Amino acid sequence: MPRTRECDYCGADIEPGTGTMLVHNDGSTTHFCSSKCENNADLGREARNLGWTDAGRTTTAAQQQEAKEQAEAAEAAEEAEEAKADDTADADDEEAGDADDEDTADADDAEADDTEDEEAEEAEA
C-alpha cells in the first residue's frame, strides 16, 4: 500500500507517485515534494530561514512572539517610569501645598495680631 511521505525540506505532504527521492552515497534518503525544495536544498539554503517552509514559519512565529513580549516589557517599563514621575510630581505638589498652608497660617496670625493691637489702642484712647 502506498503511503504519504513528508518533504524533508518544507514539511509538505508528498502524494504517492509524486516528488523526488534523493539517495545519498551513505544510503540515507531525502524526499522532496517539488523542484523548488530540491533546488533550495542544493543551494545550501536553510529551511528555517525561508518563510514558506514549516521550519521557517515556526522560526518566524517564535521571533514574532519574542518581539511582542519585548514590546510589552518595554511598555510596562515606560508606564512604571511615568507612574514614578507622576508620584514624584504629586509629592512635590503636596510639599508646596503644605508650604502654602504654613504661609496662610502665618498671615492669619499676623492679621490677628494687628486686630489685637488696634483694639488695644482704641481701649487706651
PDB file of N, CA and C in Angstrom:
ATOM      1  N   MET A   1       0.853  -1.178   0.000  1.00  0.00           N
ATOM      2  CA  MET A   1       0.000   0.000   0.000  1.00  0.00           C
ATOM      3  C   MET A   1       0.896   1.239   0.000  1.00  0.00           C
ATOM      4  N   PRO A   2       0.698   2.137  -0.944  1.00  0.00           N
ATOM      5  CA  PRO A   2       1.499   3.356  -0.989  1.00  0.00           C
ATOM      6  C   PRO A   2       1.178   4.249   0.207  1.00  0.00           C
ATOM      7  N   ARG A   3       2.174   4.957   0.677  1.00  0.00           N
ATOM      8  CA  ARG A   3       1.954   5.835   1.821  1.00  0.00           C
ATOM      9  C   ARG A   3       2.368   7.263   1.490  1.00  0.00           C
ATOM     10  N   THR A   4       1.769   8.184   2.186  1.00  0.00           N
ATOM     11  CA  THR A   4       2.087   9.591   2.016  1.00  0.00           C
ATOM     12  C   THR A   4       3.339   9.893   2.816  1.00  0.00           C
ATOM     13  N   ARG A   5       4.271  10.571   2.191  1.00  0.00           N
ATOM     14  CA  ARG A   5       5.511  10.955   2.853  1.00  0.00           C
ATOM     15  C   ARG A   5       5.488  12.452   3.120  1.00  0.00           C
ATOM     16  N   GLU A   6       6.477  12.894   3.867  1.00  0.00           N
ATOM     17  CA  GLU A   6       6.603  14.319   4.175  1.00  0.00           C
ATOM     18  C   GLU A   6       7.896  14.834   3.557  1.00  0.00           C
ATOM     19  N   CYS A   7       7.820  16.007   2.934  1.00  0.00           N
ATOM     20  CA  CYS A   7       9.014  16.617   2.340  1.00  0.00           C
ATOM     21  C   CYS A   7      10.007  16.926   3.456  1.00  0.00           C
ATOM     22  N   ASP A   8      11.236  16.504   3.268  1.00  0.00           N
ATOM     23  CA  ASP A   8      12.261  16.721   4.286  1.00  0.00           C
ATOM     24  C   ASP A   8      12.728  18.167   4.332  1.00  0.00           C
ATOM     25  N   TYR A   9      12.372  18.955   3.324  1.00  0.00           N
ATOM     26  CA  TYR A   9      12.805  20.352   3.283  1.00  0.00           C
ATOM     27  C   TYR A   9      11.721  21.297   3.800  1.00  0.00           C
ATOM     28  N   CYS A  10      10.529  21.239   3.201  1.00  0.00           N
ATOM     29  CA  CYS A  10       9.493  22.213   3.570  1.00  0.00           C
ATOM     30  C   CYS A  10       8.434  21.652   4.510  1.00  0.00           C
ATOM     31  N   GLY A  11       8.335  20.337   4.643  1.00  0.00           N
ATOM     32  CA  GLY A  11       7.379  19.744   5.564  1.00  0.00           C
ATOM     33  C   GLY A  11       6.029  19.452   4.950  1.00  0.00           C
ATOM     34  N   ALA A  12       5.854  19.692   3.644  1.00  0.00           N
ATOM     35  CA  ALA A  12       4.569  19.437   2.985  1.00  0.00           C
ATOM     36  C   ALA A  12       4.385  17.937   2.754  1.00  0.00           C
ATOM     37  N   ASP A  13       3.137  17.508   2.652  1.00  0.00           N
ATOM     38  CA  ASP A  13       2.848  16.103   2.359  1.00  0.00           C
ATOM     39  C   ASP A  13       3.147  15.823   0.886  1.00  0.00           C
ATOM     40  N   ILE A  14       3.712  14.638   0.616  1.00  0.00           N
ATOM     41  CA  ILE A  14       4.013  14.215  -0.750  1.00  0.00           C
ATOM     42  C   ILE A  14       3.070  13.070  -1.086  1.00  0.00           C
ATOM     43  N   GLU A  15       2.239  13.251  -2.081  1.00  0.00           N
ATOM     44  CA  GLU A  15       1.306  12.206  -2.513  1.00  0.00           C
ATOM     45  C   GLU A  15       2.093  11.075  -3.186  1.00  0.00           C
ATOM     46  N   PRO A  16       1.594   9.866  -3.084  1.00  0.00           N
ATOM     47  CA  PRO A  16       2.277   8.744  -3.742  1.00  0.00           C
ATOM     48  C   PRO A  16       2.392   8.984  -5.258  1.00  0.00           C
ATOM     49  N   GLY A  17       3.567   8.690  -5.798  1.00  0.00           N
ATOM     50  CA  GLY A  17       3.803   8.850  -7.227  1.00  0.00           C
ATOM     51  C   GLY A  17       4.293  10.231  -7.603  1.00  0.00           C
ATOM     52  N   THR A  18       4.450  11.136  -6.628  1.00  0.00           N
ATOM     53  CA  THR A  18       4.946  12.478  -6.925  1.00  0.00           C
ATOM     54  C   THR A  18       6.194  12.737  -6.104  1.00  0.00           C
ATOM     55  N   GLY A  19       6.888  13.809  -6.425  1.00  0.00           N
ATOM     56  CA  GLY A  19       8.069  14.189  -5.663  1.00  0.00           C
ATOM     57  C   GLY A  19       9.305  13.453  -6.122  1.00  0.00           C
ATOM     58  N   THR A  20      10.413  13.730  -5.423  1.00  0.00           N
ATOM     59  CA  THR A  20      11.706  13.155  -5.767  1.00  0.00           C
ATOM     60  C   THR A  20      12.342  12.578  -4.509  1.00  0.00           C
ATOM     61  N   MET A  21      12.925  11.391  -4.665  1.00  0.00           N
ATOM     62  CA  MET A  21      13.653  10.799  -3.553  1.00  0.00           C
ATOM     63  C   MET A  21      15.126  10.802  -3.917  1.00  0.00           C
ATOM     64  N   LEU A  22      15.937  11.478  -3.107  1.00  0.00           N
ATOM     65  CA  LEU A  22      17.372  11.543  -3.335  1.00  0.00           C
ATOM     66  C   LEU A  22      18.040  10.546  -2.390  1.00  0.00           C
ATOM     67  N   VAL A  23      18.827   9.630  -2.977  1.00  0.00           N
ATOM     68  CA  VAL A  23      19.545   8.649  -2.173  1.00  0.00           C
ATOM     69  C   VAL A  23      21.003   9.083  -2.126  1.00  0.00           C
ATOM     70  N   HIS A  24      21.503   9.330  -0.930  1.00  0.00           N
ATOM     71  CA  HIS A  24      22.879   9.772  -0.745  1.00  0.00           C
ATOM     72  C   HIS A  24      23.834   8.584  -0.806  1.00  0.00           C
ATOM     73  N   ASN A  25      25.139   8.872  -0.940  1.00  0.00           N
ATOM     74  CA  ASN A  25      26.145   7.815  -1.044  1.00  0.00           C
ATOM     75  C   ASN A  25      26.185   6.938   0.201  1.00  0.00           C
ATOM     76  N   ASP A  26      25.820   7.501   1.354  1.00  0.00           N
ATOM     77  CA  ASP A  26      25.844   6.712   2.586  1.00  0.00           C
ATOM     78  C   ASP A  26      24.563   5.894   2.770  1.00  0.00           C
ATOM     79  N   GLY A  27      23.618   5.991   1.826  1.00  0.00           N
ATOM     80  CA  GLY A  27      22.402   5.187   1.888  1.00  0.00           C
ATOM     81  C   GLY A  27      21.213   5.906   2.485  1.00  0.00           C
ATOM     82  N   SER A  28      21.435   7.107   3.038  1.00  0.00           N
ATOM     83  CA  SER A  28      20.298   7.852   3.594  1.00  0.00           C
ATOM     84  C   SER A  28      19.474   8.457   2.458  1.00  0.00           C
ATOM     85  N   THR A  29      18.199   8.643   2.703  1.00  0.00           N
ATOM     86  CA  THR A  29      17.309   9.181   1.671  1.00  0.00           C
ATOM     87  C   THR A  29      16.726  10.508   2.120  1.00  0.00           C
ATOM     88  N   THR A  30      16.493  11.372   1.135  1.00  0.00           N
ATOM     89  CA  THR A  30      15.858  12.657   1.369  1.00  0.00           C
ATOM     90  C   THR A  30      14.723  12.784   0.365  1.00  0.00           C
ATOM     91  N   HIS A  31      13.549  13.137   0.851  1.00  0.00           N
ATOM     92  CA  HIS A  31      12.382  13.269  -0.010  1.00  0.00           C
ATOM     93  C   HIS A  31      12.064  14.742  -0.223  1.00  0.00           C
ATOM     94  N   PHE A  32      11.826  15.108  -1.476  1.00  0.00           N
ATOM     95  CA  PHE A  32      11.454  16.471  -1.839  1.00  0.00           C
ATOM     96  C   PHE A  32      10.097  16.444  -2.526  1.00  0.00           C
ATOM     97  N   CYS A  33       9.267  17.429  -2.205  1.00  0.00           N
ATOM     98  CA  CYS A  33       7.932  17.483  -2.817  1.00  0.00           C
ATOM     99  C   CYS A  33       7.967  18.167  -4.174  1.00  0.00           C
ATOM    100  N   SER A  34       8.929  19.062  -4.374  1.00  0.00           N
ATOM    101  CA  SER A  34       8.986  19.818  -5.620  1.00  0.00           C
ATOM    102  C   SER A  34      10.428  20.163  -5.959  1.00  0.00           C
ATOM    103  N   SER A  35      10.626  20.626  -7.203  1.00  0.00           N
ATOM    104  CA  SER A  35      11.971  21.043  -7.603  1.00  0.00           C
ATOM    105  C   SER A  35      12.388  22.294  -6.842  1.00  0.00           C
ATOM    106  N   LYS A  36      11.424  23.071  -6.406  1.00  0.00           N
ATOM    107  CA  LYS A  36      11.731  24.266  -5.601  1.00  0.00           C
ATOM    108  C   LYS A  36      12.473  23.861  -4.332  1.00  0.00           C
ATOM    109  N   CYS A  37      11.959  22.869  -3.641  1.00  0.00           N
ATOM    110  CA  CYS A  37      12.601  22.396  -2.411  1.00  0.00           C
ATOM    111  C   CYS A  37      13.962  21.775  -2.723  1.00  0.00           C
ATOM    112  N   GLU A  38      14.026  20.984  -3.799  1.00  0.00           N
ATOM    113  CA  GLU A  38      15.271  20.324  -4.157  1.00  0.00           C
ATOM    114  C   GLU A  38      16.349  21.345  -4.509  1.00  0.00           C
ATOM    115  N   ASN A  39      16.008  22.349  -5.293  1.00  0.00           N
ATOM    116  CA  ASN A  39      16.991  23.360  -5.695  1.00  0.00           C
ATOM    117  C   ASN A  39      17.447  24.205  -4.511  1.00  0.00           C
ATOM    118  N   ASN A  40      16.542  24.572  -3.614  1.00  0.00           N
ATOM    119  CA  ASN A  40      16.937  25.347  -2.436  1.00  0.00           C
ATOM    120  C   ASN A  40      17.868  24.533  -1.541  1.00  0.00           C
ATOM    121  N   ALA A  41      17.616  23.230  -1.419  1.00  0.00           N
ATOM    122  CA  ALA A  41      18.498  22.369  -0.626  1.00  0.00           C
ATOM    123  C   ALA A  41      19.873  22.270  -1.297  1.00  0.00           C
ATOM    124  N   ASP A  42      19.887  22.148  -2.634  1.00  0.00           N
ATOM    125  CA  ASP A  42      21.161  22.067  -3.359  1.00  0.00           C
ATOM    126  C   ASP A  42      21.972  23.345  -3.202  1.00  0.00           C
ATOM    127  N   LEU A  43      21.293  24.476  -3.119  1.00  0.00           N
ATOM    128  CA  LEU A  43      21.973  25.759  -2.957  1.00  0.00           C
ATOM    129  C   LEU A  43      22.467  25.976  -1.522  1.00  0.00           C
ATOM    130  N   GLY A  44      22.109  25.068  -0.621  1.00  0.00           N
ATOM    131  CA  GLY A  44      22.579  25.147   0.761  1.00  0.00           C
ATOM    132  C   GLY A  44      21.744  26.062   1.642  1.00  0.00           C
ATOM    133  N   ARG A  45      20.568  26.410   1.195  1.00  0.00           N
ATOM    134  CA  ARG A  45      19.707  27.292   1.990  1.00  0.00           C
ATOM    135  C   ARG A  45      19.059  26.510   3.124  1.00  0.00           C
ATOM    136  N   GLU A  46      19.041  27.122   4.269  1.00  0.00           N
ATOM    137  CA  GLU A  46      18.401  26.507   5.436  1.00  0.00           C
ATOM    138  C   GLU A  46      16.901  26.722   5.364  1.00  0.00           C
ATOM    139  N   ALA A  47      16.138  25.677   5.602  1.00  0.00           N
ATOM    140  CA  ALA A  47      14.682  25.774   5.533  1.00  0.00           C
ATOM    141  C   ALA A  47      14.141  26.716   6.609  1.00  0.00           C
ATOM    142  N   ARG A  48      14.830  26.815   7.734  1.00  0.00           N
ATOM    143  CA  ARG A  48      14.354  27.664   8.826  1.00  0.00           C
ATOM    144  C   ARG A  48      14.454  29.153   8.489  1.00  0.00           C
ATOM    145  N   ASN A  49      15.242  29.488   7.449  1.00  0.00           N
ATOM    146  CA  ASN A  49      15.391  30.883   7.047  1.00  0.00           C
ATOM    147  C   ASN A  49      14.402  31.296   5.961  1.00  0.00           C
ATOM    148  N   LEU A  50      13.566  30.372   5.520  1.00  0.00           N
ATOM    149  CA  LEU A  50      12.601  30.653   4.457  1.00  0.00           C
ATOM    150  C   LEU A  50      11.192  30.605   5.031  1.00  0.00           C
ATOM    151  N   GLY A  51      10.450  31.679   4.849  1.00  0.00           N
ATOM    152  CA  GLY A  51       9.121  31.790   5.454  1.00  0.00           C
ATOM    153  C   GLY A  51       8.091  30.828   4.914  1.00  0.00           C
ATOM    154  N   TRP A  52       8.284  30.258   3.728  1.00  0.00           N
ATOM    155  CA  TRP A  52       7.280  29.372   3.143  1.00  0.00           C
ATOM    156  C   TRP A  52       7.423  27.926   3.591  1.00  0.00           C
ATOM    157  N   THR A  53       8.437  27.604   4.386  1.00  0.00           N
ATOM    158  CA  THR A  53       8.599  26.245   4.910  1.00  0.00           C
ATOM    159  C   THR A  53       8.018  26.166   6.318  1.00  0.00           C
ATOM    160  N   ASP A  54       7.723  24.940   6.750  1.00  0.00           N
ATOM    161  CA  ASP A  54       7.211  24.749   8.116  1.00  0.00           C
ATOM    162  C   ASP A  54       8.214  25.241   9.150  1.00  0.00           C
ATOM    163  N   ALA A  55       9.486  24.915   8.932  1.00  0.00           N
ATOM    164  CA  ALA A  55      10.528  25.353   9.870  1.00  0.00           C
ATOM    165  C   ALA A  55      10.629  26.872   9.883  1.00  0.00           C
ATOM    166  N   GLY A  56      10.490  27.488   8.720  1.00  0.00           N
ATOM    167  CA  GLY A  56      10.544  28.944   8.627  1.00  0.00           C
ATOM    168  C   GLY A  56       9.370  29.603   9.316  1.00  0.00           C
ATOM    169  N   ARG A  57       8.186  29.013   9.159  1.00  0.00           N
ATOM    170  CA  ARG A  57       7.005  29.569   9.834  1.00  0.00           C
ATOM    171  C   ARG A  57       7.128  29.435  11.345  1.00  0.00           C
ATOM    172  N   THR A  58       7.678  28.323  11.802  1.00  0.00           N
ATOM    173  CA  THR A  58       7.873  28.130  13.237  1.00  0.00           C
ATOM    174  C   THR A  58       8.876  29.139  13.780  1.00  0.00           C
ATOM    175  N   THR A  59       9.978  29.325  13.052  1.00  0.00           N
ATOM    176  CA  THR A  59      11.005  30.280  13.469  1.00  0.00           C
ATOM    177  C   THR A  59      10.445  31.695  13.464  1.00  0.00           C
ATOM    178  N   THR A  60       9.720  32.041  12.408  1.00  0.00           N
ATOM    179  CA  THR A  60       9.142  33.377  12.289  1.00  0.00           C
ATOM    180  C   THR A  60       8.135  33.623  13.408  1.00  0.00           C
ATOM    181  N   ALA A  61       7.299  32.629  13.701  1.00  0.00           N
ATOM    182  CA  ALA A  61       6.310  32.776  14.773  1.00  0.00           C
ATOM    183  C   ALA A  61       6.999  32.970  16.118  1.00  0.00           C
ATOM    184  N   ALA A  62       8.074  32.223  16.349  1.00  0.00           N
ATOM    185  CA  ALA A  62       8.804  32.355  17.611  1.00  0.00           C
ATOM    186  C   ALA A  62       9.432  33.738  17.719  1.00  0.00           C
ATOM    187  N   GLN A  63       9.986  34.240  16.605  1.00  0.00           N
ATOM    188  CA  GLN A  63      10.592  35.569  16.618  1.00  0.00           C
ATOM    189  C   GLN A  63       9.535  36.640  16.853  1.00  0.00           C
ATOM    190  N   GLN A  64       8.368  36.489  16.239  1.00  0.00           N
ATOM    191  CA  GLN A  64       7.292  37.453  16.439  1.00  0.00           C
ATOM    192  C   GLN A  64       6.818  37.442  17.881  1.00  0.00           C
ATOM    193  N   GLN A  65       6.696  36.264  18.470  1.00  0.00           N
ATOM    194  CA  GLN A  65       6.277  36.150  19.866  1.00  0.00           C
ATOM    195  C   GLN A  65       7.300  36.809  20.777  1.00  0.00           C
ATOM    196  N   GLU A  66       8.585  36.587  20.504  1.00  0.00           N
ATOM    197  CA  GLU A  66       9.644  37.187  21.316  1.00  0.00           C
ATOM    198  C   GLU A  66       9.629  38.709  21.194  1.00  0.00           C
ATOM    199  N   ALA A  67       9.428  39.193  19.974  1.00  0.00           N
ATOM    200  CA  ALA A  67       9.375  40.644  19.752  1.00  0.00           C
ATOM    201  C   ALA A  67       8.172  41.238  20.470  1.00  0.00           C
ATOM    202  N   LYS A  68       7.053  40.532  20.451  1.00  0.00           N
ATOM    203  CA  LYS A  68       5.843  41.005  21.130  1.00  0.00           C
ATOM    204  C   LYS A  68       6.077  41.082  22.641  1.00  0.00           C
ATOM    205  N   GLU A  69       6.718  40.064  23.199  1.00  0.00           N
ATOM    206  CA  GLU A  69       6.991  40.056  24.634  1.00  0.00           C
ATOM    207  C   GLU A  69       7.939  41.192  25.011  1.00  0.00           C
ATOM    208  N   GLN A  70       8.942  41.452  24.175  1.00  0.00           N
ATOM    209  CA  GLN A  70       9.872  42.545  24.442  1.00  0.00           C
ATOM    210  C   GLN A  70       9.162  43.890  24.378  1.00  0.00           C
ATOM    211  N   ALA A  71       8.249  44.034  23.422  1.00  0.00           N
ATOM    212  CA  ALA A  71       7.500  45.288  23.298  1.00  0.00           C
ATOM    213  C   ALA A  71       6.608  45.499  24.520  1.00  0.00           C
ATOM    214  N   GLU A  72       5.961  44.430  24.987  1.00  0.00           N
ATOM    215  CA  GLU A  72       5.113  44.531  26.181  1.00  0.00           C
ATOM    216  C   GLU A  72       5.952  44.890  27.405  1.00  0.00           C
ATOM    217  N   ALA A  73       7.131  44.302  27.518  1.00  0.00           N
ATOM    218  CA  ALA A  73       8.011  44.606  28.652  1.00  0.00           C
ATOM    219  C   ALA A  73       8.453  46.066  28.595  1.00  0.00           C
ATOM    220  N   ALA A  74       8.743  46.556  27.398  1.00  0.00           N
ATOM    221  CA  ALA A  74       9.155  47.954  27.252  1.00  0.00           C
ATOM    222  C   ALA A  74       8.007  48.897  27.624  1.00  0.00           C
ATOM    223  N   GLU A  75       6.779  48.553  27.203  1.00  0.00           N
ATOM    224  CA  GLU A  75       5.614  49.368  27.568  1.00  0.00           C
ATOM    225  C   GLU A  75       5.414  49.396  29.079  1.00  0.00           C
ATOM    226  N   ALA A  76       5.554  48.238  29.713  1.00  0.00           N
ATOM    227  CA  ALA A  76       5.383  48.164  31.156  1.00  0.00           C
ATOM    228  C   ALA A  76       6.439  49.018  31.865  1.00  0.00           C
ATOM    229  N   ALA A  77       7.660  48.995  31.357  1.00  0.00           N
ATOM    230  CA  ALA A  77       8.729  49.793  31.959  1.00  0.00           C
ATOM    231  C   ALA A  77       8.434  51.284  31.792  1.00  0.00           C
ATOM    232  N   GLU A  78       7.934  51.683  30.612  1.00  0.00           N
ATOM    233  CA  GLU A  78       7.598  53.090  30.387  1.00  0.00           C
ATOM    234  C   GLU A  78       6.476  53.536  31.320  1.00  0.00           C
ATOM    235  N   GLU A  79       5.456  52.676  31.469  1.00  0.00           N
ATOM    236  CA  GLU A  79       4.338  53.006  32.368  1.00  0.00           C
ATOM    237  C   GLU A  79       4.820  53.145  33.800  1.00  0.00           C
ATOM    238  N   ALA A  80       5.743  52.283  34.208  1.00  0.00           N
ATOM    239  CA  ALA A  80       6.280  52.352  35.569  1.00  0.00           C
ATOM    240  C   ALA A  80       7.052  53.661  35.768  1.00  0.00           C
ATOM    241  N   GLU A  81       7.816  54.056  34.746  1.00  0.00           N
ATOM    242  CA  GLU A  81       8.563  55.312  34.838  1.00  0.00           C
ATOM    243  C   GLU A  81       7.609  56.505  34.910  1.00  0.00           C
ATOM    244  N   GLU A  82       6.538  56.464  34.100  1.00  0.00           N
ATOM    245  CA  GLU A  82       5.559  57.548  34.116  1.00  0.00           C
ATOM    246  C   GLU A  82       4.874  57.626  35.478  1.00  0.00           C
ATOM    247  N   ALA A  83       4.520  56.471  36.022  1.00  0.00           N
ATOM    248  CA  ALA A  83       3.863  56.447  37.326  1.00  0.00           C
ATOM    249  C   ALA A  83       4.803  57.000  38.402  1.00  0.00           C
ATOM    250  N   LYS A  84       6.067  56.639  38.302  1.00  0.00           N
ATOM    251  CA  LYS A  84       7.046  57.133  39.270  1.00  0.00           C
ATOM    252  C   LYS A  84       7.192  58.641  39.143  1.00  0.00           C
ATOM    253  N   ALA A  85       7.223  59.131  37.908  1.00  0.00           N
ATOM    254  CA  ALA A  85       7.330  60.569  37.678  1.00  0.00           C
ATOM    255  C   ALA A  85       6.088  61.293  38.198  1.00  0.00           C
ATOM    256  N   ASP A  86       4.912  60.699  37.994  1.00  0.00           N
ATOM    257  CA  ASP A  86       3.674  61.296  38.494  1.00  0.00           C
ATOM    258  C   ASP A  86       3.666  61.341  40.013  1.00  0.00           C
ATOM    259  N   ASP A  87       4.128  60.260  40.657  1.00  0.00           N
ATOM    260  CA  ASP A  87       4.175  60.216  42.115  1.00  0.00           C
ATOM    261  C   ASP A  87       5.122  61.284  42.648  1.00  0.00           C
ATOM    262  N   THR A  88       6.251  61.445  41.981  1.00  0.00           N
ATOM    263  CA  THR A  88       7.225  62.454  42.397  1.00  0.00           C
ATOM    264  C   THR A  88       6.631  63.848  42.249  1.00  0.00           C
ATOM    265  N   ALA A  89       5.930  64.075  41.135  1.00  0.00           N
ATOM    266  CA  ALA A  89       5.300  65.379  40.904  1.00  0.00           C
ATOM    267  C   ALA A  89       4.209  65.637  41.944  1.00  0.00           C
ATOM    268  N   ASP A  90       3.432  64.613  42.287  1.00  0.00           N
ATOM    269  CA  ASP A  90       2.383  64.762  43.292  1.00  0.00           C
ATOM    270  C   ASP A  90       2.990  65.075  44.655  1.00  0.00           C
ATOM    271  N   ALA A  91       4.087  64.400  44.984  1.00  0.00           N
ATOM    272  CA  ALA A  91       4.746  64.645  46.270  1.00  0.00           C
ATOM    273  C   ALA A  91       5.262  66.083  46.322  1.00  0.00           C
ATOM    274  N   ASP A  92       5.823  66.576  45.223  1.00  0.00           N
ATOM    275  CA  ASP A  92       6.309  67.955  45.175  1.00  0.00           C
ATOM    276  C   ASP A  92       5.146  68.929  45.335  1.00  0.00           C
ATOM    277  N   ASP A  93       4.012  68.620  44.693  1.00  0.00           N
ATOM    278  CA  ASP A  93       2.834  69.482  44.813  1.00  0.00           C
ATOM    279  C   ASP A  93       2.323  69.502  46.251  1.00  0.00           C
ATOM    280  N   GLU A  94       2.338  68.346  46.904  1.00  0.00           N
ATOM    281  CA  GLU A  94       1.869  68.283  48.288  1.00  0.00           C
ATOM    282  C   GLU A  94       2.785  69.097  49.200  1.00  0.00           C
ATOM    283  N   GLU A  95       4.098  68.989  48.972  1.00  0.00           N
ATOM    284  CA  GLU A  95       5.039  69.759  49.787  1.00  0.00           C
ATOM    285  C   GLU A  95       4.822  71.244  49.559  1.00  0.00           C
ATOM    286  N   ALA A  96       4.606  71.628  48.316  1.00  0.00           N
ATOM    287  CA  ALA A  96       4.345  73.035  48.009  1.00  0.00           C
ATOM    288  C   ALA A  96       3.022  73.462  48.644  1.00  0.00           C
ATOM    289  N   GLY A  97       2.035  72.565  48.631  1.00  0.00           N
ATOM    290  CA  GLY A  97       0.745  72.860  49.260  1.00  0.00           C
ATOM    291  C   GLY A  97       0.893  73.034  50.755  1.00  0.00           C
ATOM    292  N   ASP A  98       1.734  72.206  51.387  1.00  0.00           N
ATOM    293  CA  ASP A  98       1.967  72.335  52.826  1.00  0.00           C
ATOM    294  C   ASP A  98       2.637  73.671  53.119  1.00  0.00           C
ATOM    295  N   ALA A  99       3.568  74.059  52.266  1.00  0.00           N
ATOM    296  CA  ALA A  99       4.246  75.337  52.467  1.00  0.00           C
ATOM    297  C   ALA A  99       3.246  76.480  52.317  1.00  0.00           C
ATOM    298  N   ASP A 100       2.341  76.387  51.368  1.00  0.00           N
ATOM    299  CA  ASP A 100       1.314  77.411  51.183  1.00  0.00           C
ATOM    300  C   ASP A 100       0.413  77.488  52.409  1.00  0.00           C
ATOM    301  N   ASP A 101       0.074  76.318  52.984  1.00  0.00           N
ATOM    302  CA  ASP A 101      -0.759  76.306  54.183  1.00  0.00           C
ATOM    303  C   ASP A 101      -0.052  77.002  55.333  1.00  0.00           C
ATOM    304  N   GLU A 102       1.259  76.775  55.467  1.00  0.00           N
ATOM    305  CA  GLU A 102       2.012  77.424  56.535  1.00  0.00           C
ATOM    306  C   GLU A 102       2.048  78.933  56.318  1.00  0.00           C
ATOM    307  N   ASP A 103       2.223  79.363  55.074  1.00  0.00           N
ATOM    308  CA  ASP A 103       2.230  80.796  54.773  1.00  0.00           C
ATOM    309  C   ASP A 103       0.874  81.404  55.101  1.00  0.00           C
ATOM    310  N   THR A 104      -0.194  80.704  54.772  1.00  0.00           N
ATOM    311  CA  THR A 104      -1.547  81.194  55.056  1.00  0.00           C
ATOM    312  C   THR A 104      -1.762  81.290  56.563  1.00  0.00           C
ATOM    313  N   ALA A 105      -1.278  80.279  57.294  1.00  0.00           N
ATOM    314  CA  ALA A 105      -1.428  80.298  58.750  1.00  0.00           C
ATOM    315  C   ALA A 105      -0.652  81.465  59.353  1.00  0.00           C
ATOM    316  N   ASP A 106       0.555  81.737  58.847  1.00  0.00           N
ATOM    317  CA  ASP A 106       1.341  82.872  59.328  1.00  0.00           C
ATOM    318  C   ASP A 106       0.629  84.185  59.036  1.00  0.00           C
ATOM    319  N   ALA A 107       0.016  84.295  57.867  1.00  0.00           N
ATOM    320  CA  ALA A 107      -0.702  85.518  57.501  1.00  0.00           C
ATOM    321  C   ALA A 107      -1.907  85.712  58.414  1.00  0.00           C
ATOM    322  N   ASP A 108      -2.609  84.624  58.729  1.00  0.00           N
ATOM    323  CA  ASP A 108      -3.764  84.724  59.628  1.00  0.00           C
ATOM    324  C   ASP A 108      -3.319  85.173  61.015  1.00  0.00           C
ATOM    325  N   ASP A 109      -2.183  84.644  61.487  1.00  0.00           N
ATOM    326  CA  ASP A 109      -1.664  85.043  62.794  1.00  0.00           C
ATOM    327  C   ASP A 109      -1.298  86.535  62.793  1.00  0.00           C
ATOM    328  N   ALA A 110      -0.711  87.013  61.726  1.00  0.00           N
ATOM    329  CA  ALA A 110      -0.327  88.420  61.636  1.00  0.00           C
ATOM    330  C   ALA A 110      -1.563  89.318  61.653  1.00  0.00           C
ATOM    331  N   GLU A 111      -2.620  88.911  60.953  1.00  0.00           N
ATOM    332  CA  GLU A 111      -3.854  89.697  60.947  1.00  0.00           C
ATOM    333  C   GLU A 111      -4.474  89.727  62.342  1.00  0.00           C
ATOM    334  N   ALA A 112      -4.425  88.593  63.024  1.00  0.00           N
ATOM    335  CA  ALA A 112      -4.987  88.546  64.371  1.00  0.00           C
ATOM    336  C   ALA A 112      -4.189  89.476  65.294  1.00  0.00           C
ATOM    337  N   ASP A 113      -2.869  89.490  65.176  1.00  0.00           N
ATOM    338  CA  ASP A 113      -2.044  90.374  65.990  1.00  0.00           C
ATOM    339  C   ASP A 113      -2.370  91.844  65.702  1.00  0.00           C
ATOM    340  N   ASP A 114      -2.544  92.178  64.419  1.00  0.00           N
ATOM    341  CA  ASP A 114      -2.895  93.559  64.044  1.00  0.00           C
ATOM    342  C   ASP A 114      -4.229  93.955  64.657  1.00  0.00           C
ATOM    343  N   THR A 115      -5.185  93.045  64.615  1.00  0.00           N
ATOM    344  CA  THR A 115      -6.512  93.330  65.167  1.00  0.00           C
ATOM    345  C   THR A 115      -6.419  93.558  66.663  1.00  0.00           C
ATOM    346  N   GLU A 116      -5.631  92.741  67.359  1.00  0.00           N
ATOM    347  CA  GLU A 116      -5.462  92.901  68.802  1.00  0.00           C
ATOM    348  C   GLU A 116      -4.785  94.238  69.119  1.00  0.00           C
ATOM    349  N   ASP A 117      -3.787  94.620  68.322  1.00  0.00           N
ATOM    350  CA  ASP A 117      -3.093  95.894  68.543  1.00  0.00           C
ATOM    351  C   ASP A 117      -4.066  97.061  68.373  1.00  0.00           C
ATOM    352  N   GLU A 118      -4.909  96.993  67.339  1.00  0.00           N
ATOM    353  CA  GLU A 118      -5.871  98.067  67.094  1.00  0.00           C
ATOM    354  C   GLU A 118      -6.862  98.181  68.242  1.00  0.00           C
ATOM    355  N   GLU A 119      -7.317  97.027  68.757  1.00  0.00           N
ATOM    356  CA  GLU A 119      -8.275  97.050  69.862  1.00  0.00           C
ATOM    357  C   GLU A 119      -7.616  97.609  71.110  1.00  0.00           C
ATOM    358  N   ALA A 120      -6.337  97.277  71.307  1.00  0.00           N
ATOM    359  CA  ALA A 120      -5.627  97.781  72.483  1.00  0.00           C
ATOM    360  C   ALA A 120      -5.458  99.308  72.390  1.00  0.00           C
ATOM    361  N   GLU A 121      -5.160  99.818  71.208  1.00  0.00           N
ATOM    362  CA  GLU A 121      -5.012 101.260  71.019  1.00  0.00           C
ATOM    363  C   GLU A 121      -6.329 101.989  71.248  1.00  0.00           C
ATOM    364  N   GLU A 122      -7.449 101.405  70.770  1.00  0.00           N
ATOM    365  CA  GLU A 122      -8.758 102.029  70.970  1.00  0.00           C
ATOM    366  C   GLU A 122      -9.109 102.052  72.444  1.00  0.00           C
ATOM    367  N   ALA A 123      -8.736 100.974  73.150  1.00  0.00           N
ATOM    368  CA  ALA A 123      -9.066 100.927  74.571  1.00  0.00           C
ATOM    369  C   ALA A 123      -8.280 101.975  75.342  1.00  0.00           C
ATOM    370  N   GLU A 124      -7.061 102.261  74.957  1.00  0.00           N
ATOM    371  CA  GLU A 124      -6.253 103.251  75.647  1.00  0.00           C
ATOM    372  C   GLU A 124      -6.781 104.643  75.367  1.00  0.00           C
ATOM    373  N   ALA A 125      -7.351 104.835  74.202  1.00  0.00           N
ATOM    374  CA  ALA A 125      -7.814 106.169  73.849  1.00  0.00           C
ATOM    375  C   ALA A 125      -9.129 106.422  74.480  1.00  0.00           C
TER     376      ALA A 125
END
